[in-house]
C-alpha atoms as a PDB file:
ATOM      1  CA  UNK A   1      40.125 -14.247   4.436  1.00  0.00           C
ATOM      2  CA  UNK A   2      40.590 -12.585   1.110  1.00  0.00           C
ATOM      3  CA  UNK A   3      37.569 -14.318  -0.436  1.00  0.00           C
ATOM      4  CA  UNK A   4      34.982 -12.878   1.988  1.00  0.00           C
ATOM      5  CA  UNK A   5      36.412  -9.380   1.472  1.00  0.00           C
ATOM      6  CA  UNK A   6      36.327  -9.822  -2.305  1.00  0.00           C
ATOM      7  CA  UNK A   7      32.772 -11.140  -2.130  1.00  0.00           C
ATOM      8  CA  UNK A   8      31.737  -8.279   0.111  1.00  0.00           C
ATOM      9  CA  UNK A   9      33.259  -5.728  -2.304  1.00  0.00           C
ATOM     10  CA  UNK A  10      31.669  -7.400  -5.318  1.00  0.00           C
ATOM     11  CA  UNK A  11      28.271  -7.531  -3.620  1.00  0.00           C
ATOM     12  CA  UNK A  12      28.589  -3.894  -2.564  1.00  0.00           C
ATOM     13  CA  UNK A  13      29.489  -2.821  -6.103  1.00  0.00           C
ATOM     14  CA  UNK A  14      26.556  -4.818  -7.499  1.00  0.00           C
ATOM     15  CA  UNK A  15      24.119  -3.231  -5.059  1.00  0.00           C
ATOM     16  CA  UNK A  16      25.453   0.265  -5.675  1.00  0.00           C
ATOM     17  CA  UNK A  17      25.318  -0.205  -9.427  1.00  0.00           C
ATOM     18  CA  UNK A  18      21.823  -1.718  -9.246  1.00  0.00           C
ATOM     19  CA  UNK A  19      20.598   1.079  -6.989  1.00  0.00           C
ATOM     20  CA  UNK A  20      21.988   3.744  -9.330  1.00  0.00           C
ATOM     21  CA  UNK A  21      20.535   2.037 -12.395  1.00  0.00           C
ATOM     22  CA  UNK A  22      17.156   1.543 -10.704  1.00  0.00           C
ATOM     23  CA  UNK A  23      16.973   5.188  -9.619  1.00  0.00           C
ATOM     24  CA  UNK A  24      17.920   6.323 -13.147  1.00  0.00           C
ATOM     25  CA  UNK A  25      15.219   4.069 -14.609  1.00  0.00           C
ATOM     26  CA  UNK A  26      12.622   5.390 -12.180  1.00  0.00           C
ATOM     27  CA  UNK A  27      13.585   9.018 -12.835  1.00  0.00           C
ATOM     28  CA  UNK A  28      13.487   8.419 -16.598  1.00  0.00           C
ATOM     29  CA  UNK A  29      10.131   6.626 -16.481  1.00  0.00           C
ATOM     30  CA  UNK A  30       8.392   8.556 -13.725  1.00  0.00           C
ATOM     31  CA  UNK A  31       7.610  11.690 -15.784  1.00  0.00           C
ATOM     32  CA  UNK A  32       5.452   9.761 -18.275  1.00  0.00           C
ATOM     33  CA  UNK A  33       2.985   9.193 -15.426  1.00  0.00           C
ATOM     34  CA  UNK A  34       2.278  12.920 -15.724  1.00  0.00           C
ATOM     35  CA  UNK A  35       0.709  12.155 -19.125  1.00  0.00           C
ATOM     36  CA  UNK A  36      -0.464   8.580 -18.645  1.00  0.00           C
ATOM     37  CA  UNK A  37      -4.202   8.057 -19.041  1.00  0.00           C
ATOM     38  CA  UNK A  38      -7.073   9.351 -21.146  1.00  0.00           C
ATOM     39  CA  UNK A  39      -7.546  13.046 -21.861  1.00  0.00           C
ATOM     40  CA  UNK A  40     -10.468  14.868 -23.502  1.00  0.00           C
ATOM     41  CA  UNK A  41     -10.061  17.953 -25.658  1.00  0.00           C
ATOM     42  CA  UNK A  42     -10.477  21.196 -23.708  1.00  0.00           C
ATOM     43  CA  UNK A  43      -9.776  23.476 -26.671  1.00  0.00           C
ATOM     44  CA  UNK A  44      -8.300  23.487 -30.168  1.00  0.00           C
ATOM     45  CA  UNK A  45      -7.673  27.117 -30.974  1.00  0.00           C
ATOM     46  CA  UNK A  46      -5.400  29.107 -33.237  1.00  0.00           C
ATOM     47  CA  UNK A  47      -3.535  32.337 -32.563  1.00  0.00           C
ATOM     48  CA  UNK A  48      -3.334  34.489 -35.673  1.00  0.00           C
ATOM     49  CA  UNK A  49      -0.314  36.674 -36.524  1.00  0.00           C
ATOM     50  CA  UNK A  50      -2.307  39.794 -35.544  1.00  0.00           C
ATOM     51  CA  UNK A  51      -2.673  38.375 -32.001  1.00  0.00           C
ATOM     52  CA  UNK A  52      -6.352  37.417 -32.257  1.00  0.00           C
ATOM     53  CA  UNK A  53      -7.445  33.945 -31.234  1.00  0.00           C
ATOM     54  CA  UNK A  54     -10.024  31.767 -32.936  1.00  0.00           C
ATOM     55  CA  UNK A  55     -11.293  28.205 -33.000  1.00  0.00           C
ATOM     56  CA  UNK A  56      -9.196  25.946 -35.230  1.00  0.00           C
ATOM     57  CA  UNK A  57     -11.691  23.042 -35.401  1.00  0.00           C
ATOM     58  CA  UNK A  58     -15.023  24.811 -35.040  1.00  0.00           C
ATOM     59  CA  UNK A  59     -16.926  26.044 -32.026  1.00  0.00           C
ATOM     60  CA  UNK A  60     -17.327  22.599 -30.404  1.00  0.00           C
ATOM     61  CA  UNK A  61     -14.359  20.425 -31.338  1.00  0.00           C
ATOM     62  CA  UNK A  62     -14.126  16.868 -30.033  1.00  0.00           C
ATOM     63  CA  UNK A  63     -10.994  14.938 -29.270  1.00  0.00           C
ATOM     64  CA  UNK A  64      -9.179  12.376 -27.197  1.00  0.00           C
ATOM     65  CA  UNK A  65      -5.552  11.787 -26.245  1.00  0.00           C
ATOM     66  CA  UNK A  66      -4.510   8.463 -24.767  1.00  0.00           C
ATOM     67  CA  UNK A  67      -1.049   7.773 -23.333  1.00  0.00           C
ATOM     68  CA  UNK A  68       0.026   4.408 -21.922  1.00  0.00           C
ATOM     69  CA  UNK A  69       2.671   3.589 -19.295  1.00  0.00           C
ATOM     70  CA  UNK A  70       5.388   3.152 -21.950  1.00  0.00           C
ATOM     71  CA  UNK A  71       4.666   6.513 -23.619  1.00  0.00           C
ATOM     72  CA  UNK A  72       2.717   5.217 -26.623  1.00  0.00           C
ATOM     73  CA  UNK A  73       0.020   7.706 -27.560  1.00  0.00           C
ATOM     74  CA  UNK A  74      -2.891   8.216 -29.941  1.00  0.00           C
ATOM     75  CA  UNK A  75      -4.442  11.640 -30.487  1.00  0.00           C
ATOM     76  CA  UNK A  76      -7.619  12.595 -32.359  1.00  0.00           C
ATOM     77  CA  UNK A  77      -9.107  16.068 -32.881  1.00  0.00           C
ATOM     78  CA  UNK A  78     -12.312  16.590 -34.904  1.00  0.00           C
ATOM     79  CA  UNK A  79     -14.385  19.543 -35.978  1.00  0.00           C
ATOM     80  CA  UNK A  80     -17.815  18.397 -34.795  1.00  0.00           C
ATOM     81  CA  UNK A  81     -19.456  20.453 -37.546  1.00  0.00           C
ATOM     82  CA  UNK A  82     -17.927  18.442 -40.396  1.00  0.00           C
ATOM     83  CA  UNK A  83     -20.662  17.791 -42.959  1.00  0.00           C
ATOM     84  CA  UNK A  84     -21.823  14.241 -43.501  1.00  0.00           C
ATOM     85  CA  UNK A  85     -21.403  12.698 -46.961  1.00  0.00           C
ATOM     86  CA  UNK A  86     -24.637  13.174 -48.907  1.00  0.00           C
ATOM     87  CA  UNK A  87     -24.402   9.722 -50.540  1.00  0.00           C
ATOM     88  CA  UNK A  88     -23.955   8.081 -47.106  1.00  0.00           C
ATOM     89  CA  UNK A  89     -21.055   6.140 -48.698  1.00  0.00           C
ATOM     90  CA  UNK A  90     -17.471   7.172 -48.073  1.00  0.00           C
ATOM     91  CA  UNK A  91     -16.381   5.841 -51.476  1.00  0.00           C
ATOM     92  CA  UNK A  92     -18.813   8.247 -53.184  1.00  0.00           C
ATOM     93  CA  UNK A  93     -17.871  11.477 -51.448  1.00  0.00           C
ATOM     94  CA  UNK A  94     -17.493  14.657 -53.431  1.00  0.00           C
ATOM     95  CA  UNK A  95     -14.149  16.504 -53.538  1.00  0.00           C
ATOM     96  CA  UNK A  96     -15.662  19.128 -51.205  1.00  0.00           C
ATOM     97  CA  UNK A  97     -16.807  16.448 -48.736  1.00  0.00           C
ATOM     98  CA  UNK A  98     -13.376  14.808 -48.736  1.00  0.00           C
ATOM     99  CA  UNK A  99     -11.671  18.177 -48.228  1.00  0.00           C
ATOM    100  CA  UNK A 100     -13.962  19.066 -45.309  1.00  0.00           C
ATOM    101  CA  UNK A 101     -13.453  15.620 -43.756  1.00  0.00           C
ATOM    102  CA  UNK A 102      -9.659  15.866 -43.959  1.00  0.00           C
ATOM    103  CA  UNK A 103      -9.327  19.526 -43.004  1.00  0.00           C
ATOM    104  CA  UNK A 104     -11.699  18.974 -40.075  1.00  0.00           C
ATOM    105  CA  UNK A 105      -9.433  16.502 -38.308  1.00  0.00           C
ATOM    106  CA  UNK A 106      -5.946  16.182 -36.906  1.00  0.00           C
ATOM    107  CA  UNK A 107      -4.894  12.735 -35.738  1.00  0.00           C
ATOM    108  CA  UNK A 108      -1.570  11.057 -35.096  1.00  0.00           C
ATOM    109  CA  UNK A 109       0.020   8.308 -33.028  1.00  0.00           C
ATOM    110  CA  UNK A 110       3.464   7.189 -31.907  1.00  0.00           C
ATOM    111  CA  UNK A 111       5.440   7.729 -28.722  1.00  0.00           C
ATOM    112  CA  UNK A 112       5.726  10.795 -26.521  1.00  0.00           C
ATOM    113  CA  UNK A 113       8.254  11.844 -23.901  1.00  0.00           C
ATOM    114  CA  UNK A 114       7.896  14.629 -21.357  1.00  0.00           C
ATOM    115  CA  UNK A 115      10.706  16.717 -19.898  1.00  0.00           C
ATOM    116  CA  UNK A 116       9.446  18.638 -16.858  1.00  0.00           C
ATOM    117  CA  UNK A 117      12.732  20.545 -16.551  1.00  0.00           C
ATOM    118  CA  UNK A 118      12.338  22.186 -19.977  1.00  0.00           C
ATOM    119  CA  UNK A 119       8.521  21.945 -20.092  1.00  0.00           C
ATOM    120  CA  UNK A 120       8.646  20.121 -23.416  1.00  0.00           C
ATOM    121  CA  UNK A 121       6.747  17.256 -24.971  1.00  0.00           C
ATOM    122  CA  UNK A 122       8.541  15.313 -27.696  1.00  0.00           C
ATOM    123  CA  UNK A 123       6.269  13.480 -30.099  1.00  0.00           C
ATOM    124  CA  UNK A 124       7.799  10.750 -32.298  1.00  0.00           C
ATOM    125  CA  UNK A 125       5.041  10.501 -34.901  1.00  0.00           C
ATOM    126  CA  UNK A 126       4.590   7.099 -36.555  1.00  0.00           C
ATOM    127  CA  UNK A 127       1.305   7.725 -38.388  1.00  0.00           C
ATOM    128  CA  UNK A 128      -0.810  10.820 -39.046  1.00  0.00           C
ATOM    129  CA  UNK A 129      -3.740  12.088 -41.071  1.00  0.00           C
ATOM    130  CA  UNK A 130      -1.229  14.620 -42.433  1.00  0.00           C
ATOM    131  CA  UNK A 131       1.311  12.287 -44.106  1.00  0.00           C
ATOM    132  CA  UNK A 132       4.137  14.844 -43.985  1.00  0.00           C
ATOM    133  CA  UNK A 133       4.290  14.383 -40.207  1.00  0.00           C
ATOM    134  CA  UNK A 134       4.888  10.633 -40.396  1.00  0.00           C
ATOM    135  CA  UNK A 135       8.377   9.689 -39.236  1.00  0.00           C
ATOM    136  CA  UNK A 136       9.011  13.137 -37.735  1.00  0.00           C
ATOM    137  CA  UNK A 137       9.889  14.231 -34.222  1.00  0.00           C
ATOM    138  CA  UNK A 138       8.140  17.329 -32.929  1.00  0.00           C
ATOM    139  CA  UNK A 139       8.929  19.201 -29.738  1.00  0.00           C
ATOM    140  CA  UNK A 140       6.236  21.330 -28.128  1.00  0.00           C
ATOM    141  CA  UNK A 141       6.414  23.533 -25.049  1.00  0.00           C
ATOM    142  CA  UNK A 142       3.661  22.725 -22.569  1.00  0.00           C
ATOM    143  CA  UNK A 143       1.975  24.090 -19.466  1.00  0.00           C
ATOM    144  CA  UNK A 144       0.016  22.226 -16.822  1.00  0.00           C
ATOM    145  CA  UNK A 145      -2.435  24.549 -15.109  1.00  0.00           C
ATOM    146  CA  UNK A 146      -5.754  23.937 -13.384  1.00  0.00           C
ATOM    147  CA  UNK A 147      -5.843  20.325 -14.520  1.00  0.00           C
ATOM    148  CA  UNK A 148      -5.350  21.303 -18.188  1.00  0.00           C
ATOM    149  CA  UNK A 149      -2.352  20.245 -20.248  1.00  0.00           C
ATOM    150  CA  UNK A 150      -1.825  22.821 -22.994  1.00  0.00           C
ATOM    151  CA  UNK A 151       0.775  23.352 -25.684  1.00  0.00           C
ATOM    152  CA  UNK A 152       1.331  25.112 -28.964  1.00  0.00           C
ATOM    153  CA  UNK A 153       2.306  23.584 -32.267  1.00  0.00           C
ATOM    154  CA  UNK A 154       4.922  25.207 -34.505  1.00  0.00           C
ATOM    155  CA  UNK A 155       3.613  28.099 -36.582  1.00  0.00           C
ATOM    156  CA  UNK A 156       2.030  27.276 -39.923  1.00  0.00           C
ATOM    157  CA  UNK A 157       3.340  28.859 -43.122  1.00  0.00           C
ATOM    158  CA  UNK A 158       0.691  31.614 -42.815  1.00  0.00           C
ATOM    159  CA  UNK A 159       1.866  32.438 -39.270  1.00  0.00           C
ATOM    160  CA  UNK A 160      -1.088  30.854 -37.432  1.00  0.00           C
ATOM    161  CA  UNK A 161      -0.091  29.013 -34.236  1.00  0.00           C
ATOM    162  CA  UNK A 162      -2.317  26.080 -33.204  1.00  0.00           C
ATOM    163  CA  UNK A 163      -3.048  25.952 -29.441  1.00  0.00           C
ATOM    164  CA  UNK A 164      -4.291  22.712 -27.901  1.00  0.00           C
ATOM    165  CA  UNK A 165      -5.542  21.901 -24.403  1.00  0.00           C
ATOM    166  CA  UNK A 166      -6.484  18.589 -22.765  1.00  0.00           C
ATOM    167  CA  UNK A 167      -8.311  17.669 -19.517  1.00  0.00           C
ATOM    168  CA  UNK A 168      -7.552  14.343 -17.852  1.00  0.00           C
ATOM    169  CA  UNK A 169     -10.437  11.870 -17.829  1.00  0.00           C
ATOM    170  CA  UNK A 170      -8.655   8.862 -16.274  1.00  0.00           C
ATOM    171  CA  UNK A 171      -5.199   8.291 -14.846  1.00  0.00           C
END
């Protein structure tokens, strides 16, 4: 009679432990679905120290953010007015063309986590067009309003604060 009771207790403990672990896994993974999918750039602005707001990547920036089910992401922002290389050969660009090409883009990839309780996105950046960001972790406060995900990046040395917004294209 002791064996069935022991088995029953063991099975109960297993089920309780499995249920707790499963619910923790779901609650830890569920928030990424908030970001999962393809997003198109809604805006890439900058707030200046005097409170004025301007366009950080030109009047018609282009961009895409893609996030998969595991939280891997790739983000690209381009100034659509970047000049083309006159020689039509990237290896023969002038210093001015290279500068415009680099300064007219912001791209990085890695993994991202979302915390709805604190309204933060945490980017673990693996690769970036700005090499100083590679291997860093950056936390950004976000808002989700009217189908637009928006956040601000930490202030630049000159006090400018980049503001970025994304609209979902696909879930």
